[in-house]
C-alpha atoms as a PDB file:
ATOM      1  CA  MET A   1     186.610 -28.631  61.670  1.00  0.00           C
ATOM      2  CA  MET A   2     187.346 -28.650  57.931  1.00  0.00           C
ATOM      3  CA  PRO A   3     190.933 -29.185  56.999  1.00  0.00           C
ATOM      4  CA  ASN A   4     192.658 -26.215  55.163  1.00  0.00           C
ATOM      5  CA  LEU A   5     195.625 -26.556  52.745  1.00  0.00           C
ATOM      6  CA  LEU A   6     197.035 -23.279  53.928  1.00  0.00           C
ATOM      7  CA  SER A   7     196.638 -23.805  57.653  1.00  0.00           C
ATOM      8  CA  SER A   8     198.977 -25.359  60.218  1.00  0.00           C
ATOM      9  CA  LEU A   9     202.035 -23.842  58.528  1.00  0.00           C
ATOM     10  CA  PRO A  10     205.037 -23.983  60.873  1.00  0.00           C
ATOM     11  CA  ALA A  11     206.644 -20.757  62.212  1.00  0.00           C
ATOM     12  CA  THR A  12     210.019 -21.729  60.931  1.00  0.00           C
ATOM     13  CA  LEU A  13     210.847 -23.948  57.909  1.00  0.00           C
ATOM     14  CA  PRO A  14     214.489 -25.092  57.998  1.00  0.00           C
ATOM     15  CA  ASP A  15     213.508 -28.102  55.848  1.00  0.00           C
ATOM     16  CA  GLU A  16     210.876 -28.461  53.119  1.00  0.00           C
ATOM     17  CA  ILE A  17     207.732 -30.256  54.595  1.00  0.00           C
ATOM     18  CA  THR A  18     205.834 -33.011  52.847  1.00  0.00           C
ATOM     19  CA  ASP A  19     202.477 -34.081  54.337  1.00  0.00           C
ATOM     20  CA  THR A  20     200.461 -37.029  52.796  1.00  0.00           C
ATOM     21  CA  LEU A  21     196.831 -35.878  52.804  1.00  0.00           C
ATOM     22  CA  VAL A  22     195.276 -38.877  50.981  1.00  0.00           C
ATOM     23  CA  GLN A  23     196.575 -42.324  49.979  1.00  0.00           C
ATOM     24  CA  ALA A  24     194.755 -45.046  48.057  1.00  0.00           C
ATOM     25  CA  LYS A  25     195.900 -47.872  45.771  1.00  0.00           C
ATOM     26  CA  HIS A  26     196.537 -45.713  42.679  1.00  0.00           C
ATOM     27  CA  VAL A  27     196.692 -42.194  43.973  1.00  0.00           C
ATOM     28  CA  ARG A  28     198.545 -40.143  46.679  1.00  0.00           C
ATOM     29  CA  ILE A  29     197.898 -36.506  47.414  1.00  0.00           C
ATOM     30  CA  GLU A  30     200.479 -34.434  49.158  1.00  0.00           C
ATOM     31  CA  ARG A  31     200.934 -30.916  50.471  1.00  0.00           C
ATOM     32  CA  ILE A  32     204.569 -29.631  50.103  1.00  0.00           C
ATOM     33  CA  VAL A  33     205.627 -26.527  51.807  1.00  0.00           C
ATOM     34  CA  SER A  34     208.772 -24.835  50.677  1.00  0.00           C
ATOM     35  CA  GLU A  35     210.499 -21.615  51.485  1.00  0.00           C
ATOM     36  CA  GLY A  36     213.550 -21.010  49.426  1.00  0.00           C
ATOM     37  CA  HIS A  37     214.069 -24.764  49.027  1.00  0.00           C
ATOM     38  CA  VAL A  38     215.186 -26.204  45.760  1.00  0.00           C
ATOM     39  CA  SER A  39     216.266 -29.543  44.367  1.00  0.00           C
ATOM     40  CA  PRO A  40     219.948 -30.586  45.251  1.00  0.00           C
ATOM     41  CA  PRO A  41     222.413 -29.714  42.601  1.00  0.00           C
ATOM     42  CA  GLU A  42     222.438 -32.185  39.725  1.00  0.00           C
ATOM     43  CA  PHE A  43     219.315 -34.009  41.119  1.00  0.00           C
ATOM     44  CA  TRP A  44     216.329 -34.803  38.843  1.00  0.00           C
ATOM     45  CA  TYR A  45     213.154 -36.306  39.784  1.00  0.00           C
ATOM     46  CA  ASP A  46     212.353 -39.297  37.458  1.00  0.00           C
ATOM     47  CA  GLN A  47     209.223 -40.794  39.005  1.00  0.00           C
ATOM     48  CA  GLU A  48     207.271 -43.981  38.270  1.00  0.00           C
ATOM     49  CA  GLU A  49     203.925 -42.039  38.714  1.00  0.00           C
ATOM     50  CA  ASN A  50     202.284 -39.162  36.812  1.00  0.00           C
ATOM     51  CA  GLU A  51     202.335 -36.030  38.978  1.00  0.00           C
ATOM     52  CA  PHE A  52     199.669 -33.351  38.794  1.00  0.00           C
ATOM     53  CA  VAL A  53     201.015 -30.100  40.564  1.00  0.00           C
ATOM     54  CA  LEU A  54     199.000 -27.137  41.632  1.00  0.00           C
ATOM     55  CA  LEU A  55     200.797 -24.176  43.126  1.00  0.00           C
ATOM     56  CA  ALA A  56     198.384 -22.731  45.806  1.00  0.00           C
ATOM     57  CA  GLN A  57     200.621 -20.045  47.427  1.00  0.00           C
ATOM     58  CA  GLY A  58     203.940 -18.505  46.709  1.00  0.00           C
ATOM     59  CA  ALA A  59     205.918 -18.897  43.493  1.00  0.00           C
ATOM     60  CA  ALA A  60     208.300 -21.432  41.933  1.00  0.00           C
ATOM     61  CA  ARG A  61     210.369 -22.222  38.905  1.00  0.00           C
ATOM     62  CA  LEU A  62     210.502 -25.904  37.534  1.00  0.00           C
ATOM     63  CA  ARG A  63     213.291 -27.040  35.187  1.00  0.00           C
ATOM     64  CA  PHE A  64     212.734 -29.831  32.589  1.00  0.00           C
ATOM     65  CA  GLU A  65     215.539 -31.009  30.415  1.00  0.00           C
ATOM     66  CA  ASP A  66     213.982 -28.992  27.517  1.00  0.00           C
ATOM     67  CA  SER A  67     212.348 -25.987  29.239  1.00  0.00           C
ATOM     68  CA  VAL A  68     211.686 -23.948  32.361  1.00  0.00           C
ATOM     69  CA  ILE A  69     208.361 -22.896  33.716  1.00  0.00           C
ATOM     70  CA  GLU A  70     207.413 -20.172  36.246  1.00  0.00           C
ATOM     71  CA  MET A  71     204.462 -20.943  38.500  1.00  0.00           C
ATOM     72  CA  LYS A  72     202.310 -18.507  40.542  1.00  0.00           C
ATOM     73  CA  PRO A  73     199.238 -19.307  42.652  1.00  0.00           C
ATOM     74  CA  GLY A  74     196.623 -21.209  40.641  1.00  0.00           C
ATOM     75  CA  ASP A  75     199.058 -22.399  38.125  1.00  0.00           C
ATOM     76  CA  TRP A  76     199.126 -26.186  37.590  1.00  0.00           C
ATOM     77  CA  ILE A  77     201.057 -28.692  35.459  1.00  0.00           C
ATOM     78  CA  ASP A  78     200.556 -32.435  34.704  1.00  0.00           C
ATOM     79  CA  ILE A  79     203.944 -34.085  34.525  1.00  0.00           C
ATOM     80  CA  PRO A  80     204.001 -37.517  32.868  1.00  0.00           C
ATOM     81  CA  ALA A  81     205.831 -40.350  34.600  1.00  0.00           C
ATOM     82  CA  HIS A  82     209.669 -40.318  33.898  1.00  0.00           C
ATOM     83  CA  ARG A  83     209.689 -36.830  32.648  1.00  0.00           C
ATOM     84  CA  ARG A  84     212.768 -35.500  34.408  1.00  0.00           C
ATOM     85  CA  HIS A  85     212.358 -32.250  36.225  1.00  0.00           C
ATOM     86  CA  ARG A  86     213.774 -30.349  39.323  1.00  0.00           C
ATOM     87  CA  VAL A  87     212.730 -27.439  41.472  1.00  0.00           C
ATOM     88  CA  GLU A  88     215.001 -24.601  40.497  1.00  0.00           C
ATOM     89  CA  TRP A  89     213.657 -21.909  42.704  1.00  0.00           C
ATOM     90  CA  THR A  90     210.897 -21.170  45.266  1.00  0.00           C
ATOM     91  CA  THR A  91     210.104 -17.837  46.939  1.00  0.00           C
ATOM     92  CA  PRO A  92     212.663 -17.301  49.726  1.00  0.00           C
ATOM     93  CA  ASP A  93     210.586 -14.920  51.874  1.00  0.00           C
ATOM     94  CA  GLU A  94     207.246 -16.488  51.607  1.00  0.00           C
ATOM     95  CA  ARG A  95     205.841 -20.076  51.971  1.00  0.00           C
ATOM     96  CA  THR A  96     205.307 -21.899  48.702  1.00  0.00           C
ATOM     97  CA  VAL A  97     202.493 -24.311  49.154  1.00  0.00           C
ATOM     98  CA  TRP A  98     202.074 -27.043  46.477  1.00  0.00           C
ATOM     99  CA  LEU A  99     199.144 -29.598  46.112  1.00  0.00           C
ATOM    100  CA  VAL A 100     200.656 -32.663  44.386  1.00  0.00           C
ATOM    101  CA  VAL A 101     198.699 -35.648  43.132  1.00  0.00           C
ATOM    102  CA  PHE A 102     200.686 -38.667  42.185  1.00  0.00           C
ATOM    103  CA  TYR A 103     198.679 -41.229  40.044  1.00  0.00           C
ATOM    104  CA  GLY A 104     199.091 -44.194  37.812  1.00  0.00           C
ATOM    105  CA  ASP A 105     197.929 -44.696  34.231  1.00  0.00           C
END
């Protein structure tokens, strides 16, 4: 059976879920499932890798030090390594499903 990004979602989601779908030497592809989950207060992601983010389902708001972006299904962004960002909001009454590709230069 062919894997599906939107299948096998849990009935309840007390914590955000991260599944590694593919991992190789210079790339990691993850599915992240949120439902009202956000970054902890004062926490900023500051990662070593570049990060390509595609929102497959739901909605979200990402905050950067200099801007805020709203995301809906189909929207994507490529975040360079060390660009500080945080998840400010995800849909509280629907699953937000992200496809995230971490990669090096």
